[in-house]
Amino acid sequence: MSTWWLMQAARRAADARPEPEVTVDHDGVVLVDDGRCHLEPWDTFTGHIETERQFILLRAPGEPTVTLPKRTFPDAALVAECRRLLAERLPAR
């Protein structure tokens, strides 16, 4: 099996898996995946990066830990609210 084929198979498997439900609020980031709920408090993170398609929350030393795809937000107002909360709680990198 070629490396290319394995990469494509992994990408299809990742695309088929539903994304975890993510809630961002004043306490931190709540991830719900496979029925399990996990709170990541704000002090878990050291900063964030915003790209055109996602928010990336970082841990020391700059390791990505949580990715928040913007497509999972139902509308632009919620993307803006997430941006505001991130700016309020975490430094931009």
Protein backbone atom coordinates (compact mmCIF):
# COMPACT_ATOMS: atom_id res chain seq x y z
CA MET A 1 0.00 0.00 0.00
CA SER A 2 1.32 3.43 -0.89
CA THR A 3 1.70 6.27 1.57
CA TRP A 4 -0.62 8.38 -0.58
CA TRP A 5 -3.40 5.79 -0.31
CA LEU A 6 -3.02 5.56 3.47
CA MET A 7 -3.18 9.35 3.80
CA GLN A 8 -6.33 9.46 1.67
CA ALA A 9 -7.96 6.68 3.70
CA ALA A 10 -7.14 8.50 6.95
CA ARG A 11 -8.54 11.75 5.56
CA ARG A 12 -11.80 10.03 4.52
CA ALA A 13 -12.12 8.41 7.95
CA ALA A 14 -11.55 11.76 9.67
CA ASP A 15 -14.07 13.44 7.38
CA ALA A 16 -16.66 10.76 8.14
CA ARG A 17 -16.35 11.18 11.91
CA PRO A 18 -18.73 13.79 13.30
CA GLU A 19 -17.05 16.82 14.80
CA PRO A 20 -17.36 17.25 18.55
CA GLU A 21 -19.87 19.78 19.80
CA VAL A 22 -18.02 22.79 21.18
CA THR A 23 -19.37 25.47 23.49
CA VAL A 24 -17.32 28.54 24.37
CA ASP A 25 -18.42 30.54 27.40
CA HIS A 26 -17.07 32.51 30.35
CA ASP A 27 -15.88 29.32 32.12
CA GLY A 28 -13.87 27.95 29.19
CA VAL A 29 -14.36 25.54 26.32
CA VAL A 30 -16.74 22.60 26.70
CA LEU A 31 -16.23 19.68 24.32
CA VAL A 32 -18.93 17.04 23.89
CA ASP A 33 -17.65 14.03 21.94
CA ASP A 34 -19.28 10.59 21.82
CA GLY A 35 -21.61 11.66 24.64
CA ARG A 36 -18.75 12.65 26.96
CA CYS A 37 -18.55 16.22 28.22
CA HIS A 38 -15.21 17.80 29.10
CA LEU A 39 -14.54 21.38 30.30
CA GLU A 40 -11.22 22.98 29.37
CA PRO A 41 -10.96 26.09 31.61
CA TRP A 42 -9.44 29.24 30.12
CA ASP A 43 -6.26 28.91 32.18
CA THR A 44 -5.56 25.66 30.28
CA PHE A 45 -4.70 27.77 27.23
CA THR A 46 -1.86 30.19 26.59
CA GLY A 47 -3.22 31.93 23.50
CA HIS A 48 -5.13 31.57 20.27
CA ILE A 49 -4.73 31.96 16.53
CA GLU A 50 -7.54 32.87 14.17
CA THR A 51 -7.40 31.77 10.55
CA GLU A 52 -9.92 32.24 7.78
CA ARG A 53 -11.56 28.90 8.63
CA GLN A 54 -10.94 28.26 12.32
CA PHE A 55 -9.86 29.33 15.78
CA ILE A 56 -6.91 27.39 17.21
CA LEU A 57 -6.43 27.40 20.97
CA LEU A 58 -2.86 26.85 22.18
CA ARG A 59 -1.19 25.34 25.21
CA ALA A 60 2.40 26.00 26.28
CA PRO A 61 4.72 25.99 24.40
CA GLY A 62 2.41 26.96 21.55
CA GLU A 63 1.00 23.49 20.94
CA PRO A 64 -2.44 23.44 19.30
CA THR A 65 -4.95 21.75 21.57
CA VAL A 66 -8.45 22.64 20.43
CA THR A 67 -9.54 23.63 16.96
CA LEU A 68 -12.86 25.42 16.54
CA PRO A 69 -13.89 25.28 12.87
CA LYS A 70 -15.93 28.34 11.98
CA ARG A 71 -18.26 26.22 9.82
CA THR A 72 -19.64 24.63 13.00
CA PHE A 73 -21.10 27.96 14.15
CA PRO A 74 -24.68 28.41 12.90
CA ASP A 75 -24.19 32.07 11.96
CA ALA A 76 -21.67 34.92 11.73
CA ALA A 77 -22.91 36.52 14.95
CA LEU A 78 -21.76 33.47 16.93
CA VAL A 79 -18.36 33.54 15.21
CA ALA A 80 -18.06 37.19 16.27
CA GLU A 81 -19.07 36.30 19.85
CA CYS A 82 -16.46 33.54 19.96
CA ARG A 83 -13.85 35.99 18.65
CA ARG A 84 -14.83 38.46 21.39
CA LEU A 85 -14.59 35.84 24.15
CA LEU A 86 -11.22 34.62 22.89
CA ALA A 87 -9.86 38.19 22.72
CA GLU A 88 -11.13 38.82 26.24
CA ARG A 89 -9.67 35.61 27.72
CA LEU A 90 -6.57 34.72 25.67
CA PRO A 91 -3.80 36.65 23.93
CA ALA A 92 -3.68 36.41 20.14
CA ARG A 93 -0.52 34.80 18.73
